[in-house]
Protein backbone atom coordinates (compact mmCIF):
# COMPACT_ATOMS: atom_id res chain seq x y z
CA MET A 1 5.30 -174.80 173.66
CA ALA A 2 7.00 -176.97 171.13
CA ILE A 3 7.75 -180.53 172.32
CA ARG A 4 11.13 -181.65 171.27
CA PHE A 5 11.97 -185.40 171.43
CA PRO A 6 15.22 -186.22 173.01
CA GLN A 7 16.01 -188.75 169.88
CA ARG A 8 14.79 -189.27 166.56
CA TRP A 9 14.35 -192.13 164.27
CA THR A 10 16.41 -191.91 161.20
CA SER A 11 16.98 -194.03 158.21
CA GLN A 12 19.91 -195.34 160.00
CA THR A 13 18.03 -196.36 163.04
CA SER A 14 18.12 -200.31 163.26
CA PRO A 15 15.24 -202.38 164.23
CA GLU A 16 16.94 -203.40 167.52
CA ASP A 17 17.21 -199.76 168.31
CA THR A 18 13.65 -198.87 167.85
CA GLY A 19 12.29 -200.08 170.98
CA GLY A 20 14.73 -198.06 173.08
CA VAL A 21 14.07 -194.93 170.98
CA LEU A 22 10.30 -195.53 171.45
CA GLN A 23 10.78 -195.99 175.06
CA ASN A 24 12.81 -192.70 175.59
CA ALA A 25 10.11 -190.72 173.64
CA LEU A 26 7.48 -192.14 175.72
CA ASP A 27 9.37 -191.55 179.07
CA PHE A 28 9.97 -187.89 177.75
CA LEU A 29 6.19 -187.36 177.04
CA ALA A 30 5.43 -188.86 180.37
CA ASP A 31 7.61 -186.08 182.05
CA ILE A 32 5.92 -183.38 180.22
CA VAL A 33 2.64 -184.60 181.07
CA ASP A 34 3.47 -185.07 184.72
CA LYS A 35 4.84 -181.33 184.95
CA PHE A 36 1.61 -179.94 183.47
CA MET A 37 -0.49 -181.98 185.88
CA SER A 38 1.61 -181.04 188.83
CA ALA A 39 1.11 -177.18 188.00
CA THR A 40 -2.66 -177.64 187.58
CA THR A 41 -5.40 -177.73 190.32
CA LYS A 42 -9.27 -177.73 190.05
CA GLY A 43 -12.41 -177.66 192.16
CA THR A 44 -15.92 -176.70 192.43
CA VAL A 45 -17.13 -173.73 194.77
CA THR A 46 -20.59 -172.34 195.75
CA ILE A 47 -21.49 -168.58 196.11
CA PRO A 48 -23.83 -168.82 199.33
CA ASN A 49 -27.43 -167.49 199.20
CA GLY A 50 -27.58 -163.80 198.97
CA ALA A 51 -23.74 -163.36 198.45
CA THR A 52 -22.20 -161.92 195.18
CA ASN A 53 -18.74 -163.56 195.57
CA VAL A 54 -16.62 -166.40 196.87
CA SER A 55 -12.76 -166.58 197.46
CA VAL A 56 -11.05 -169.60 196.18
CA GLY A 57 -7.64 -170.70 197.85
CA PHE A 58 -4.96 -173.08 196.15
CA SER A 59 -3.95 -175.93 198.29
CA SER A 60 -0.25 -175.02 197.24
CA ALA A 61 1.08 -171.86 195.48
CA ILE A 62 0.59 -171.65 191.65
CA THR A 63 3.10 -169.40 189.67
CA SER A 64 1.43 -167.02 187.46
CA PRO A 65 -2.02 -169.10 187.30
CA ALA A 66 -4.17 -169.05 184.39
CA VAL A 67 -7.89 -169.43 185.70
CA VAL A 68 -11.09 -170.74 183.98
CA VAL A 69 -14.39 -170.66 185.56
CA THR A 70 -17.57 -172.24 184.62
CA PRO A 71 -21.05 -171.67 186.08
CA ILE A 72 -23.15 -174.77 186.87
CA GLY A 73 -26.43 -173.60 185.67
CA ASP A 74 -27.39 -170.12 184.81
CA PRO A 75 -26.00 -167.57 187.30
CA GLY A 76 -28.44 -164.95 186.07
CA ALA A 77 -26.04 -162.14 185.22
CA ARG A 78 -22.47 -161.76 184.20
CA PHE A 79 -19.63 -163.33 186.19
CA TRP A 80 -15.99 -162.53 186.48
CA ILE A 81 -12.75 -163.33 188.44
CA SER A 82 -10.80 -160.78 190.44
CA GLY A 83 -7.91 -160.88 193.03
CA ARG A 84 -5.95 -163.37 191.00
CA THR A 85 -2.71 -164.32 193.03
CA ASN A 86 -0.52 -167.24 193.37
CA SER A 87 -2.49 -168.37 196.28
CA GLY A 88 -5.98 -167.99 194.91
CA PHE A 89 -8.52 -165.76 193.25
CA THR A 90 -12.30 -164.50 193.78
CA ILE A 91 -15.41 -165.47 191.83
CA ASN A 92 -17.82 -162.52 191.41
CA GLN A 93 -21.31 -162.43 189.90
CA GLY A 94 -23.41 -159.59 189.12
CA VAL A 95 -26.55 -160.59 191.06
CA ALA A 96 -26.89 -162.11 194.63
CA ALA A 97 -26.92 -165.93 194.58
CA PRO A 98 -30.21 -167.79 194.99
CA VAL A 99 -31.26 -169.76 198.00
CA ALA A 100 -29.42 -173.09 196.82
CA GLY A 101 -26.30 -170.83 195.98
CA GLN A 102 -24.48 -170.77 192.84
CA GLN A 103 -21.90 -173.31 192.01
CA TYR A 104 -18.85 -172.82 189.65
CA ASP A 105 -16.39 -175.38 188.37
CA TRP A 106 -12.89 -173.88 188.20
CA ILE A 107 -9.26 -175.01 186.95
CA ALA A 108 -5.95 -173.21 187.39
CA LYS A 109 -2.92 -173.91 185.39
CA GLY A 110 0.55 -172.47 186.66
CA ALA A 111 3.34 -171.31 184.25
């Protein structure tokens, strides 16, 4: 995604105008960050003792979510996600979770 500023400084920009141009650019960037953050959600989830998966639900729908999952500690085998939809996804691992469970951090970003 290319960021385009609504105004540009030029050799014709007077010192009196630079404050307004800078403020407009900052407002524009703040809007971009707000849109990015509003389409992002994150959390931590635990696969319980003896289980090999856990479902994660989003608090509100995310269009075309890109999901990143990171185990907290060694899960003891490979792990992956499945069933990704606008409302959530499932974290799977190749072995049953230990007595304390297996935690995962996750983040999902919408389109």
